[in-house]
C-alpha atoms as a PDB file:
ATOM      1  CA  MET A   1      10.840  94.371   7.887  1.00  0.00           C
ATOM      2  CA  LYS A   2       9.820  93.450  11.421  1.00  0.00           C
ATOM      3  CA  THR A   3       9.815  89.772  12.378  1.00  0.00           C
ATOM      4  CA  GLN A   4       6.597  88.620  13.989  1.00  0.00           C
ATOM      5  CA  LEU A   5       7.102  86.402  16.994  1.00  0.00           C
ATOM      6  CA  VAL A   6       4.394  83.802  17.503  1.00  0.00           C
ATOM      7  CA  ASN A   7       5.593  81.711  20.440  1.00  0.00           C
ATOM      8  CA  ARG A   8       7.899  84.238  22.064  1.00  0.00           C
ATOM      9  CA  THR A   9       7.760  87.785  23.428  1.00  0.00           C
ATOM     10  CA  ALA A  10      10.611  90.227  22.949  1.00  0.00           C
ATOM     11  CA  PHE A  11      11.642  92.353  25.918  1.00  0.00           C
ATOM     12  CA  ALA A  12      14.632  94.457  26.893  1.00  0.00           C
ATOM     13  CA  SER A  13      16.495  94.190  30.160  1.00  0.00           C
ATOM     14  CA  THR A  14      19.970  94.367  31.645  1.00  0.00           C
ATOM     15  CA  LEU A  15      22.091  91.720  33.299  1.00  0.00           C
ATOM     16  CA  ASP A  16      25.006  91.848  35.690  1.00  0.00           C
ATOM     17  CA  ASN A  17      28.252  91.737  33.657  1.00  0.00           C
ATOM     18  CA  LYS A  18      29.538  88.597  35.389  1.00  0.00           C
ATOM     19  CA  LEU A  19      26.221  86.799  34.946  1.00  0.00           C
ATOM     20  CA  HIS A  20      26.161  87.779  31.283  1.00  0.00           C
ATOM     21  CA  GLN A  21      29.663  86.413  30.802  1.00  0.00           C
ATOM     22  CA  ARG A  22      28.750  83.141  32.529  1.00  0.00           C
ATOM     23  CA  LEU A  23      25.535  82.832  30.499  1.00  0.00           C
ATOM     24  CA  ASN A  24      27.492  83.291  27.268  1.00  0.00           C
ATOM     25  CA  GLN A  25      29.998  80.647  28.342  1.00  0.00           C
ATOM     26  CA  LEU A  26      27.282  78.187  29.351  1.00  0.00           C
ATOM     27  CA  SER A  27      25.542  78.674  26.022  1.00  0.00           C
ATOM     28  CA  LYS A  28      28.767  78.006  24.140  1.00  0.00           C
ATOM     29  CA  GLU A  29      29.596  74.913  26.203  1.00  0.00           C
ATOM     30  CA  THR A  30      26.122  73.358  26.020  1.00  0.00           C
ATOM     31  CA  PHE A  31      25.146  74.547  22.529  1.00  0.00           C
ATOM     32  CA  ILE A  32      21.863  75.739  24.059  1.00  0.00           C
ATOM     33  CA  PRO A  33      20.726  79.185  22.875  1.00  0.00           C
ATOM     34  CA  LYS A  34      20.710  81.889  25.533  1.00  0.00           C
ATOM     35  CA  THR A  35      16.966  82.394  25.046  1.00  0.00           C
ATOM     36  CA  LYS A  36      16.329  78.763  26.002  1.00  0.00           C
ATOM     37  CA  LEU A  37      18.626  79.038  29.016  1.00  0.00           C
ATOM     38  CA  LEU A  38      16.781  82.171  30.121  1.00  0.00           C
ATOM     39  CA  ASP A  39      13.447  80.343  29.702  1.00  0.00           C
ATOM     40  CA  GLN A  40      14.754  77.639  32.044  1.00  0.00           C
ATOM     41  CA  ALA A  41      16.025  80.195  34.561  1.00  0.00           C
ATOM     42  CA  VAL A  42      12.716  82.061  34.672  1.00  0.00           C
ATOM     43  CA  GLN A  43      10.797  78.783  35.024  1.00  0.00           C
ATOM     44  CA  LEU A  44      12.975  77.778  37.989  1.00  0.00           C
ATOM     45  CA  LEU A  45      12.437  81.193  39.584  1.00  0.00           C
ATOM     46  CA  LEU A  46       8.662  80.975  39.140  1.00  0.00           C
ATOM     47  CA  ASN A  47       8.640  77.447  40.558  1.00  0.00           C
ATOM     48  CA  LYS A  48      10.613  78.634  43.578  1.00  0.00           C
ATOM     49  CA  TYR A  49       8.156  81.387  44.413  1.00  0.00           C
ATOM     50  CA  ASN A  50       5.067  79.285  43.671  1.00  0.00           C
ATOM     51  CA  GLU A  51       6.164  76.658  46.216  1.00  0.00           C
ATOM     52  CA  LYS A  52       5.549  79.042  49.110  1.00  0.00           C
END
């Protein structure tokens, strides 16, 4: 059975090993799911490039 996502979009990518390790650690320390941390990271990146 395939789960239908309503408010999210699944995608596949890769991440630098050290960044992945740090993301895992941050998620454990803050109790924030990695998906939410990635949402924040992408939002910051988009904000950075929209400022120009």
